[in-house]
PDB file of all heavy atoms in Angstrom:
ATOM      1  N   PHE A   1      39.725 -11.786  72.544  1.00  0.00           N
ATOM      2  CA  PHE A   1      39.151 -13.029  73.039  1.00  0.00           C
ATOM      3  C   PHE A   1      39.642 -14.197  72.180  1.00  0.00           C
ATOM      4  O   PHE A   1      39.888 -14.051  70.979  1.00  0.00           O
ATOM      5  CB  PHE A   1      37.623 -12.970  72.991  1.00  0.00           C
ATOM      6  CG  PHE A   1      36.995 -12.151  74.077  1.00  0.00           C
ATOM      7  CD1 PHE A   1      36.548 -10.852  73.825  1.00  0.00           C
ATOM      8  CD2 PHE A   1      36.837 -12.668  75.352  1.00  0.00           C
ATOM      9  CE1 PHE A   1      35.952 -10.097  74.827  1.00  0.00           C
ATOM     10  CE2 PHE A   1      36.242 -11.919  76.366  1.00  0.00           C
ATOM     11  CZ  PHE A   1      35.802 -10.623  76.096  1.00  0.00           C
ATOM     12  N   ASP A   2      39.778 -15.362  72.794  1.00  0.00           N
ATOM     13  CA  ASP A   2      40.200 -16.546  72.056  1.00  0.00           C
ATOM     14  C   ASP A   2      39.178 -16.912  70.987  1.00  0.00           C
ATOM     15  O   ASP A   2      37.968 -16.768  71.188  1.00  0.00           O
ATOM     16  CB  ASP A   2      40.360 -17.746  73.001  1.00  0.00           C
ATOM     17  CG  ASP A   2      41.547 -17.600  73.939  1.00  0.00           C
ATOM     18  OD1 ASP A   2      42.445 -16.788  73.645  1.00  0.00           O
ATOM     19  OD2 ASP A   2      41.569 -18.301  74.974  1.00  0.00           O
ATOM     20  N   SER A   3      39.676 -17.395  69.866  1.00  0.00           N
ATOM     21  CA  SER A   3      38.789 -17.866  68.803  1.00  0.00           C
ATOM     22  C   SER A   3      37.854 -18.937  69.345  1.00  0.00           C
ATOM     23  O   SER A   3      38.262 -19.809  70.121  1.00  0.00           O
ATOM     24  CB  SER A   3      39.617 -18.427  67.650  1.00  0.00           C
ATOM     25  OG  SER A   3      38.778 -18.865  66.606  1.00  0.00           O
ATOM     26  N   ALA A   4      36.591 -18.846  68.942  1.00  0.00           N
ATOM     27  CA  ALA A   4      35.509 -19.761  69.318  1.00  0.00           C
ATOM     28  C   ALA A   4      34.904 -19.445  70.676  1.00  0.00           C
ATOM     29  O   ALA A   4      33.900 -20.059  71.061  1.00  0.00           O
ATOM     30  CB  ALA A   4      35.935 -21.222  69.268  1.00  0.00           C
ATOM     31  N   ASP A   5      35.449 -18.485  71.440  1.00  0.00           N
ATOM     32  CA  ASP A   5      34.796 -18.059  72.675  1.00  0.00           C
ATOM     33  C   ASP A   5      33.418 -17.466  72.358  1.00  0.00           C
ATOM     34  O   ASP A   5      33.276 -16.660  71.432  1.00  0.00           O
ATOM     35  CB  ASP A   5      35.620 -16.979  73.392  1.00  0.00           C
ATOM     36  CG  ASP A   5      36.743 -17.543  74.235  1.00  0.00           C
ATOM     37  OD1 ASP A   5      36.870 -18.775  74.314  1.00  0.00           O
ATOM     38  OD2 ASP A   5      37.495 -16.724  74.815  1.00  0.00           O
ATOM     39  N   VAL A   6      32.416 -17.857  73.132  1.00  0.00           N
ATOM     40  CA  VAL A   6      31.100 -17.224  73.056  1.00  0.00           C
ATOM     41  C   VAL A   6      31.110 -16.041  74.021  1.00  0.00           C
ATOM     42  O   VAL A   6      31.412 -16.199  75.212  1.00  0.00           O
ATOM     43  CB  VAL A   6      29.982 -18.205  73.422  1.00  0.00           C
ATOM     44  CG1 VAL A   6      28.626 -17.507  73.396  1.00  0.00           C
ATOM     45  CG2 VAL A   6      29.988 -19.394  72.464  1.00  0.00           C
ATOM     46  N   ILE A   7      30.783 -14.855  73.517  1.00  0.00           N
ATOM     47  CA  ILE A   7      30.982 -13.611  74.254  1.00  0.00           C
ATOM     48  C   ILE A   7      29.631 -12.936  74.463  1.00  0.00           C
ATOM     49  O   ILE A   7      28.825 -12.824  73.535  1.00  0.00           O
ATOM     50  CB  ILE A   7      31.935 -12.681  73.481  1.00  0.00           C
ATOM     51  CG1 ILE A   7      33.252 -13.407  73.185  1.00  0.00           C
ATOM     52  CG2 ILE A   7      32.199 -11.410  74.274  1.00  0.00           C
ATOM     53  CD1 ILE A   7      34.062 -12.732  72.103  1.00  0.00           C
ATOM     54  N   LEU A   8      29.411 -12.445  75.690  1.00  0.00           N
ATOM     55  CA  LEU A   8      28.123 -11.873  76.080  1.00  0.00           C
ATOM     56  C   LEU A   8      28.291 -10.429  76.570  1.00  0.00           C
ATOM     57  O   LEU A   8      29.230 -10.133  77.313  1.00  0.00           O
ATOM     58  CB  LEU A   8      27.500 -12.694  77.208  1.00  0.00           C
ATOM     59  CG  LEU A   8      27.338 -14.195  76.967  1.00  0.00           C
ATOM     60  CD1 LEU A   8      26.884 -14.871  78.261  1.00  0.00           C
ATOM     61  CD2 LEU A   8      26.363 -14.475  75.846  1.00  0.00           C
ATOM     62  N   PRO A   9      27.361  -9.517  76.230  1.00  0.00           N
ATOM     63  CA  PRO A   9      27.420  -8.127  76.709  1.00  0.00           C
ATOM     64  C   PRO A   9      26.808  -7.992  78.103  1.00  0.00           C
ATOM     65  O   PRO A   9      25.713  -8.501  78.355  1.00  0.00           O
ATOM     66  CB  PRO A   9      26.601  -7.362  75.674  1.00  0.00           C
ATOM     67  CG  PRO A   9      25.631  -8.373  75.144  1.00  0.00           C
ATOM     68  CD  PRO A   9      26.288  -9.726  75.240  1.00  0.00           C
ATOM     69  N   ILE A  10      27.508  -7.290  79.003  1.00  0.00           N
ATOM     70  CA  ILE A  10      27.050  -7.184  80.393  1.00  0.00           C
ATOM     71  C   ILE A  10      27.235  -5.773  80.943  1.00  0.00           C
ATOM     72  O   ILE A  10      28.008  -4.959  80.423  1.00  0.00           O
ATOM     73  CB  ILE A  10      27.806  -8.162  81.326  1.00  0.00           C
ATOM     74  CG1 ILE A  10      29.305  -7.809  81.379  1.00  0.00           C
ATOM     75  CG2 ILE A  10      27.580  -9.601  80.904  1.00  0.00           C
ATOM     76  CD1 ILE A  10      30.048  -8.460  82.533  1.00  0.00           C
ATOM     77  N   ASN A  11      26.532  -5.525  82.051  1.00  0.00           N
ATOM     78  CA  ASN A  11      26.767  -4.373  82.925  1.00  0.00           C
ATOM     79  C   ASN A  11      26.733  -4.904  84.356  1.00  0.00           C
ATOM     80  O   ASN A  11      25.689  -5.323  84.844  1.00  0.00           O
ATOM     81  CB  ASN A  11      25.699  -3.322  82.697  1.00  0.00           C
ATOM     82  CG  ASN A  11      25.859  -2.066  83.544  1.00  0.00           C
ATOM     83  OD1 ASN A  11      24.965  -1.235  83.618  1.00  0.00           O
ATOM     84  ND2 ASN A  11      26.996  -1.887  84.202  1.00  0.00           N
ATOM     85  N   HIS A  12      27.885  -4.900  85.016  1.00  0.00           N
ATOM     86  CA  HIS A  12      28.043  -5.495  86.348  1.00  0.00           C
ATOM     87  C   HIS A  12      28.218  -4.365  87.362  1.00  0.00           C
ATOM     88  O   HIS A  12      29.084  -3.497  87.201  1.00  0.00           O
ATOM     89  CB  HIS A  12      29.280  -6.401  86.345  1.00  0.00           C
ATOM     90  CG  HIS A  12      29.471  -7.208  87.592  1.00  0.00           C
ATOM     91  ND1 HIS A  12      29.159  -8.543  87.670  1.00  0.00           N
ATOM     92  CD2 HIS A  12      29.973  -6.867  88.807  1.00  0.00           C
ATOM     93  CE1 HIS A  12      29.464  -9.009  88.874  1.00  0.00           C
ATOM     94  NE2 HIS A  12      29.942  -7.999  89.584  1.00  0.00           N
ATOM     95  N   TRP A  13      27.404  -4.403  88.434  1.00  0.00           N
ATOM     96  CA  TRP A  13      27.374  -3.314  89.418  1.00  0.00           C
ATOM     97  C   TRP A  13      27.469  -3.887  90.826  1.00  0.00           C
ATOM     98  O   TRP A  13      26.742  -4.807  91.194  1.00  0.00           O
ATOM     99  CB  TRP A  13      26.077  -2.534  89.240  1.00  0.00           C
ATOM    100  CG  TRP A  13      25.645  -1.634  90.357  1.00  0.00           C
ATOM    101  CD1 TRP A  13      24.564  -1.809  91.178  1.00  0.00           C
ATOM    102  CD2 TRP A  13      26.233  -0.391  90.767  1.00  0.00           C
ATOM    103  NE1 TRP A  13      24.462  -0.763  92.065  1.00  0.00           N
ATOM    104  CE2 TRP A  13      25.470   0.125  91.832  1.00  0.00           C
ATOM    105  CE3 TRP A  13      27.348   0.334  90.327  1.00  0.00           C
ATOM    106  CZ2 TRP A  13      25.774   1.316  92.465  1.00  0.00           C
ATOM    107  CZ3 TRP A  13      27.654   1.525  90.961  1.00  0.00           C
ATOM    108  CH2 TRP A  13      26.873   2.012  92.018  1.00  0.00           C
ATOM    109  N   LEU A  14      28.413  -3.355  91.614  1.00  0.00           N
ATOM    110  CA  LEU A  14      28.584  -3.792  93.000  1.00  0.00           C
ATOM    111  C   LEU A  14      28.967  -2.587  93.849  1.00  0.00           C
ATOM    112  O   LEU A  14      29.800  -1.763  93.445  1.00  0.00           O
ATOM    113  CB  LEU A  14      29.675  -4.867  93.095  1.00  0.00           C
ATOM    114  CG  LEU A  14      29.971  -5.434  94.490  1.00  0.00           C
ATOM    115  CD1 LEU A  14      28.760  -6.185  95.038  1.00  0.00           C
ATOM    116  CD2 LEU A  14      31.197  -6.343  94.447  1.00  0.00           C
ATOM    117  N   GLN A  15      28.365  -2.489  95.050  1.00  0.00           N
ATOM    118  CA  GLN A  15      28.588  -1.335  95.918  1.00  0.00           C
ATOM    119  C   GLN A  15      29.415  -1.703  97.154  1.00  0.00           C
ATOM    120  O   GLN A  15      29.451  -2.860  97.569  1.00  0.00           O
ATOM    121  CB  GLN A  15      27.228  -0.784  96.367  1.00  0.00           C
ATOM    122  CG  GLN A  15      26.393  -0.310  95.204  1.00  0.00           C
ATOM    123  CD  GLN A  15      24.952  -0.106  95.591  1.00  0.00           C
ATOM    124  OE1 GLN A  15      24.528   1.008  95.847  1.00  0.00           O
ATOM    125  NE2 GLN A  15      24.183  -1.176  95.642  1.00  0.00           N
ATOM    126  N   VAL A  16      30.041  -0.690  97.725  1.00  0.00           N
ATOM    127  CA  VAL A  16      30.757  -0.858  98.986  1.00  0.00           C
ATOM    128  C   VAL A  16      29.980  -0.129 100.074  1.00  0.00           C
ATOM    129  O   VAL A  16      28.857   0.317  99.866  1.00  0.00           O
ATOM    130  CB  VAL A  16      32.205  -0.332  98.880  1.00  0.00           C
ATOM    131  CG1 VAL A  16      32.999  -1.202  97.924  1.00  0.00           C
ATOM    132  CG2 VAL A  16      32.242   1.120  98.436  1.00  0.00           C
ATOM    133  N   THR A  17      30.595   0.001 101.257  1.00  0.00           N
ATOM    134  CA  THR A  17      29.928   0.625 102.402  1.00  0.00           C
ATOM    135  C   THR A  17      29.339   1.985 102.024  1.00  0.00           C
ATOM    136  O   THR A  17      30.007   2.816 101.403  1.00  0.00           O
ATOM    137  CB  THR A  17      30.923   0.796 103.555  1.00  0.00           C
ATOM    138  OG1 THR A  17      31.433  -0.493 103.897  1.00  0.00           O
ATOM    139  CG2 THR A  17      30.248   1.416 104.756  1.00  0.00           C
ATOM    140  N   GLY A  18      28.091   2.183 102.386  1.00  0.00           N
ATOM    141  CA  GLY A  18      27.439   3.459 102.135  1.00  0.00           C
ATOM    142  C   GLY A  18      26.421   3.410 101.022  1.00  0.00           C
ATOM    143  O   GLY A  18      25.409   4.082 101.059  1.00  0.00           O
ATOM    144  N   GLY A  19      26.703   2.610 100.004  1.00  0.00           N
ATOM    145  CA  GLY A  19      25.774   2.493  98.896  1.00  0.00           C
ATOM    146  C   GLY A  19      25.735   3.750  98.043  1.00  0.00           C
ATOM    147  O   GLY A  19      26.297   4.790  98.369  1.00  0.00           O
ATOM    148  N   SER A  20      25.055   3.652  96.905  1.00  0.00           N
ATOM    149  CA  SER A  20      24.964   4.779  95.990  1.00  0.00           C
ATOM    150  C   SER A  20      23.866   4.523  94.977  1.00  0.00           C
ATOM    151  O   SER A  20      23.530   3.369  94.690  1.00  0.00           O
ATOM    152  CB  SER A  20      26.284   4.987  95.251  1.00  0.00           C
ATOM    153  OG  SER A  20      26.162   6.023  94.295  1.00  0.00           O
ATOM    154  N   SER A  21      23.321   5.579  94.412  1.00  0.00           N
ATOM    155  CA  SER A  21      22.381   5.420  93.311  1.00  0.00           C
ATOM    156  C   SER A  21      23.135   5.059  92.033  1.00  0.00           C
ATOM    157  O   SER A  21      24.276   5.452  91.827  1.00  0.00           O
ATOM    158  CB  SER A  21      21.597   6.714  93.084  1.00  0.00           C
ATOM    159  OG  SER A  21      22.471   7.758  92.693  1.00  0.00           O
ATOM    160  N   PHE A  22      22.479   4.258  91.178  1.00  0.00           N
ATOM    161  CA  PHE A  22      23.029   3.910  89.868  1.00  0.00           C
ATOM    162  C   PHE A  22      21.880   3.918  88.872  1.00  0.00           C
ATOM    163  O   PHE A  22      20.906   3.190  89.034  1.00  0.00           O
ATOM    164  CB  PHE A  22      23.707   2.538  89.910  1.00  0.00           C
ATOM    165  CG  PHE A  22      24.121   2.013  88.560  1.00  0.00           C
ATOM    166  CD1 PHE A  22      24.601   2.853  87.566  1.00  0.00           C
ATOM    167  CD2 PHE A  22      24.023   0.657  88.271  1.00  0.00           C
ATOM    168  CE1 PHE A  22      24.976   2.367  86.326  1.00  0.00           C
ATOM    169  CE2 PHE A  22      24.408   0.151  87.033  1.00  0.00           C
ATOM    170  CZ  PHE A  22      24.876   1.013  86.057  1.00  0.00           C
ATOM    171  N   GLU A  23      21.999   4.772  87.845  1.00  0.00           N
ATOM    172  CA  GLU A  23      20.915   4.959  86.890  1.00  0.00           C
ATOM    173  C   GLU A  23      21.437   4.917  85.462  1.00  0.00           C
ATOM    174  O   GLU A  23      22.548   5.382  85.184  1.00  0.00           O
ATOM    175  CB  GLU A  23      20.227   6.316  87.148  1.00  0.00           C
ATOM    176  CG  GLU A  23      19.680   6.453  88.565  1.00  0.00           C
ATOM    177  CD  GLU A  23      19.263   7.868  88.927  1.00  0.00           C
ATOM    178  OE1 GLU A  23      19.472   8.788  88.113  1.00  0.00           O
ATOM    179  OE2 GLU A  23      18.728   8.048  90.039  1.00  0.00           O
ATOM    180  N   TRP A  24      20.621   4.345  84.566  1.00  0.00           N
ATOM    181  CA  TRP A  24      20.888   4.415  83.127  1.00  0.00           C
ATOM    182  C   TRP A  24      20.202   5.647  82.567  1.00  0.00           C
ATOM    183  O   TRP A  24      18.991   5.790  82.677  1.00  0.00           O
ATOM    184  CB  TRP A  24      20.313   3.218  82.387  1.00  0.00           C
ATOM    185  CG  TRP A  24      21.012   1.919  82.564  1.00  0.00           C
ATOM    186  CD1 TRP A  24      22.234   1.700  83.133  1.00  0.00           C
ATOM    187  CD2 TRP A  24      20.521   0.629  82.167  1.00  0.00           C
ATOM    188  NE1 TRP A  24      22.533   0.355  83.116  1.00  0.00           N
ATOM    189  CE2 TRP A  24      21.504  -0.321  82.528  1.00  0.00           C
ATOM    190  CE3 TRP A  24      19.345   0.193  81.546  1.00  0.00           C
ATOM    191  CZ2 TRP A  24      21.336  -1.690  82.279  1.00  0.00           C
ATOM    192  CZ3 TRP A  24      19.174  -1.153  81.299  1.00  0.00           C
ATOM    193  CH2 TRP A  24      20.166  -2.084  81.661  1.00  0.00           C
ATOM    194  N   GLU A  25      20.970   6.521  81.958  1.00  0.00           N
ATOM    195  CA  GLU A  25      20.373   7.567  81.145  1.00  0.00           C
ATOM    196  C   GLU A  25      20.067   7.022  79.751  1.00  0.00           C
ATOM    197  O   GLU A  25      19.088   7.401  79.113  1.00  0.00           O
ATOM    198  CB  GLU A  25      21.313   8.770  81.056  1.00  0.00           C
ATOM    199  CG  GLU A  25      20.674  10.002  80.462  1.00  0.00           C
ATOM    200  CD  GLU A  25      21.485  11.244  80.744  1.00  0.00           C
ATOM    201  OE1 GLU A  25      21.723  11.548  81.932  1.00  0.00           O
ATOM    202  OE2 GLU A  25      21.897  11.907  79.769  1.00  0.00           O
ATOM    203  N   ARG A  26      20.935   6.107  79.325  1.00  0.00           N
ATOM    204  CA  ARG A  26      20.741   5.416  78.051  1.00  0.00           C
ATOM    205  C   ARG A  26      21.550   4.134  78.102  1.00  0.00           C
ATOM    206  O   ARG A  26      22.640   4.096  78.681  1.00  0.00           O
ATOM    207  CB  ARG A  26      21.220   6.277  76.881  1.00  0.00           C
ATOM    208  CG  ARG A  26      20.946   5.695  75.492  1.00  0.00           C
ATOM    209  CD  ARG A  26      21.453   6.625  74.388  1.00  0.00           C
ATOM    210  NE  ARG A  26      22.908   6.761  74.391  1.00  0.00           N
ATOM    211  CZ  ARG A  26      23.591   7.804  74.859  1.00  0.00           C
ATOM    212  NH1 ARG A  26      22.931   8.827  75.381  1.00  0.00           N
ATOM    213  NH2 ARG A  26      24.900   7.837  74.826  1.00  0.00           N
ATOM    214  N   ALA A  27      21.044   3.073  77.505  1.00  0.00           N
ATOM    215  CA  ALA A  27      21.796   1.826  77.407  1.00  0.00           C
ATOM    216  C   ALA A  27      21.500   1.191  76.061  1.00  0.00           C
ATOM    217  O   ALA A  27      20.384   1.311  75.533  1.00  0.00           O
ATOM    218  CB  ALA A  27      21.434   0.867  78.541  1.00  0.00           C
ATOM    219  N   GLU A  28      22.505   0.518  75.512  1.00  0.00           N
ATOM    220  CA  GLU A  28      22.378  -0.031  74.161  1.00  0.00           C
ATOM    221  C   GLU A  28      23.258  -1.263  74.034  1.00  0.00           C
ATOM    222  O   GLU A  28      24.356  -1.323  74.575  1.00  0.00           O
ATOM    223  CB  GLU A  28      22.821   1.038  73.147  1.00  0.00           C
ATOM    224  CG  GLU A  28      22.722   0.642  71.695  1.00  0.00           C
ATOM    225  CD  GLU A  28      23.145   1.773  70.759  1.00  0.00           C
ATOM    226  OE1 GLU A  28      23.885   2.677  71.203  1.00  0.00           O
ATOM    227  OE2 GLU A  28      22.741   1.745  69.593  1.00  0.00           O
ATOM    228  N   ALA A  29      22.777  -2.265  73.305  1.00  0.00           N
ATOM    229  CA  ALA A  29      23.576  -3.452  73.027  1.00  0.00           C
ATOM    230  C   ALA A  29      23.077  -4.072  71.737  1.00  0.00           C
ATOM    231  O   ALA A  29      21.876  -4.074  71.466  1.00  0.00           O
ATOM    232  CB  ALA A  29      23.505  -4.460  74.168  1.00  0.00           C
ATOM    233  N   GLY A  30      24.005  -4.587  70.953  1.00  0.00           N
ATOM    234  CA  GLY A  30      23.602  -5.229  69.710  1.00  0.00           C
ATOM    235  C   GLY A  30      24.709  -5.213  68.690  1.00  0.00           C
ATOM    236  O   GLY A  30      25.898  -5.107  69.028  1.00  0.00           O
ATOM    237  N   ALA A  31      24.321  -5.293  67.426  1.00  0.00           N
ATOM    238  CA  ALA A  31      25.296  -5.380  66.345  1.00  0.00           C
ATOM    239  C   ALA A  31      26.157  -4.130  66.278  1.00  0.00           C
ATOM    240  O   ALA A  31      25.695  -3.009  66.471  1.00  0.00           O
ATOM    241  CB  ALA A  31      24.583  -5.604  65.023  1.00  0.00           C
ATOM    242  N   LEU A  32      27.420  -4.323  65.952  1.00  0.00           N
ATOM    243  CA  LEU A  32      28.391  -3.236  65.918  1.00  0.00           C
ATOM    244  C   LEU A  32      28.098  -2.203  64.839  1.00  0.00           C
ATOM    245  O   LEU A  32      28.558  -1.076  64.914  1.00  0.00           O
ATOM    246  CB  LEU A  32      29.784  -3.837  65.716  1.00  0.00           C
ATOM    247  CG  LEU A  32      30.997  -2.938  65.853  1.00  0.00           C
ATOM    248  CD1 LEU A  32      30.996  -2.224  67.190  1.00  0.00           C
ATOM    249  CD2 LEU A  32      32.272  -3.750  65.693  1.00  0.00           C
ATOM    250  N   TRP A  33      27.285  -2.580  63.861  1.00  0.00           N
ATOM    251  CA  TRP A  33      27.030  -1.619  62.789  1.00  0.00           C
ATOM    252  C   TRP A  33      26.311  -0.372  63.287  1.00  0.00           C
ATOM    253  O   TRP A  33      26.319   0.662  62.632  1.00  0.00           O
ATOM    254  CB  TRP A  33      26.261  -2.265  61.637  1.00  0.00           C
ATOM    255  CG  TRP A  33      24.814  -2.507  61.836  1.00  0.00           C
ATOM    256  CD1 TRP A  33      24.239  -3.566  62.454  1.00  0.00           C
ATOM    257  CD2 TRP A  33      23.744  -1.665  61.391  1.00  0.00           C
ATOM    258  NE1 TRP A  33      22.878  -3.448  62.435  1.00  0.00           N
ATOM    259  CE2 TRP A  33      22.540  -2.294  61.781  1.00  0.00           C
ATOM    260  CE3 TRP A  33      23.674  -0.459  60.700  1.00  0.00           C
ATOM    261  CZ2 TRP A  33      21.294  -1.747  61.514  1.00  0.00           C
ATOM    262  CZ3 TRP A  33      22.428   0.089  60.438  1.00  0.00           C
ATOM    263  CH2 TRP A  33      21.254  -0.546  60.840  1.00  0.00           C
ATOM    264  N   HIS A  34      25.727  -0.421  64.484  1.00  0.00           N
ATOM    265  CA  HIS A  34      25.103   0.782  65.036  1.00  0.00           C
ATOM    266  C   HIS A  34      26.121   1.864  65.359  1.00  0.00           C
ATOM    267  O   HIS A  34      25.759   3.029  65.528  1.00  0.00           O
ATOM    268  CB  HIS A  34      24.306   0.429  66.294  1.00  0.00           C
ATOM    269  CG  HIS A  34      23.050  -0.301  65.987  1.00  0.00           C
ATOM    270  ND1 HIS A  34      21.928   0.307  65.510  1.00  0.00           N
ATOM    271  CD2 HIS A  34      22.748  -1.622  66.061  1.00  0.00           C
ATOM    272  CE1 HIS A  34      20.989  -0.590  65.306  1.00  0.00           C
ATOM    273  NE2 HIS A  34      21.461  -1.768  65.634  1.00  0.00           N
ATOM    274  N   ALA A  35      27.380   1.503  65.488  1.00  0.00           N
ATOM    275  CA  ALA A  35      28.402   2.490  65.821  1.00  0.00           C
ATOM    276  C   ALA A  35      28.752   3.375  64.636  1.00  0.00           C
ATOM    277  O   ALA A  35      29.377   4.408  64.792  1.00  0.00           O
ATOM    278  CB  ALA A  35      29.663   1.787  66.323  1.00  0.00           C
ATOM    279  N   ARG A  36      28.368   2.987  63.424  1.00  0.00           N
ATOM    280  CA  ARG A  36      28.733   3.787  62.257  1.00  0.00           C
ATOM    281  C   ARG A  36      27.795   4.974  62.093  1.00  0.00           C
ATOM    282  O   ARG A  36      26.701   5.005  62.645  1.00  0.00           O
ATOM    283  CB  ARG A  36      28.714   2.923  60.994  1.00  0.00           C
ATOM    284  CG  ARG A  36      27.330   2.500  60.511  1.00  0.00           C
ATOM    285  CD  ARG A  36      27.504   1.523  59.356  1.00  0.00           C
ATOM    286  NE  ARG A  36      26.227   0.978  58.918  1.00  0.00           N
ATOM    287  CZ  ARG A  36      25.548   1.451  57.860  1.00  0.00           C
ATOM    288  NH1 ARG A  36      26.003   2.473  57.185  1.00  0.00           N
ATOM    289  NH2 ARG A  36      24.416   0.872  57.510  1.00  0.00           N
ATOM    290  N   LYS A  37      28.216   5.955  61.297  1.00  0.00           N
ATOM    291  CA  LYS A  37      27.352   7.071  60.949  1.00  0.00           C
ATOM    292  C   LYS A  37      26.481   6.638  59.783  1.00  0.00           C
ATOM    293  O   LYS A  37      26.974   6.331  58.697  1.00  0.00           O
ATOM    294  CB  LYS A  37      28.183   8.303  60.585  1.00  0.00           C
ATOM    295  CG  LYS A  37      29.074   8.783  61.715  1.00  0.00           C
ATOM    296  CD  LYS A  37      28.263   9.176  62.940  1.00  0.00           C
ATOM    297  CE  LYS A  37      29.164   9.697  64.042  1.00  0.00           C
ATOM    298  NZ  LYS A  37      28.424   9.987  65.266  1.00  0.00           N
ATOM    299  N   ASP A  38      25.193   6.581  59.991  1.00  0.00           N
ATOM    300  CA  ASP A  38      24.252   6.049  59.009  1.00  0.00           C
ATOM    301  C   ASP A  38      23.177   7.105  58.777  1.00  0.00           C
ATOM    302  O   ASP A  38      22.689   7.708  59.731  1.00  0.00           O
ATOM    303  CB  ASP A  38      23.632   4.751  59.560  1.00  0.00           C
ATOM    304  CG  ASP A  38      22.688   4.081  58.598  1.00  0.00           C
ATOM    305  OD1 ASP A  38      21.612   4.670  58.341  1.00  0.00           O
ATOM    306  OD2 ASP A  38      23.015   2.979  58.118  1.00  0.00           O
TER     307      ASP A  38
END
């Protein structure tokens, strides 16, 4: 991303003909330090 861009976390969902179920088994957003082994 370009320097100074403000960046936002998203989940974007769109269906086509027929439709479908969409479920979160787990969802997470936040500081990157959660990705480490702690």
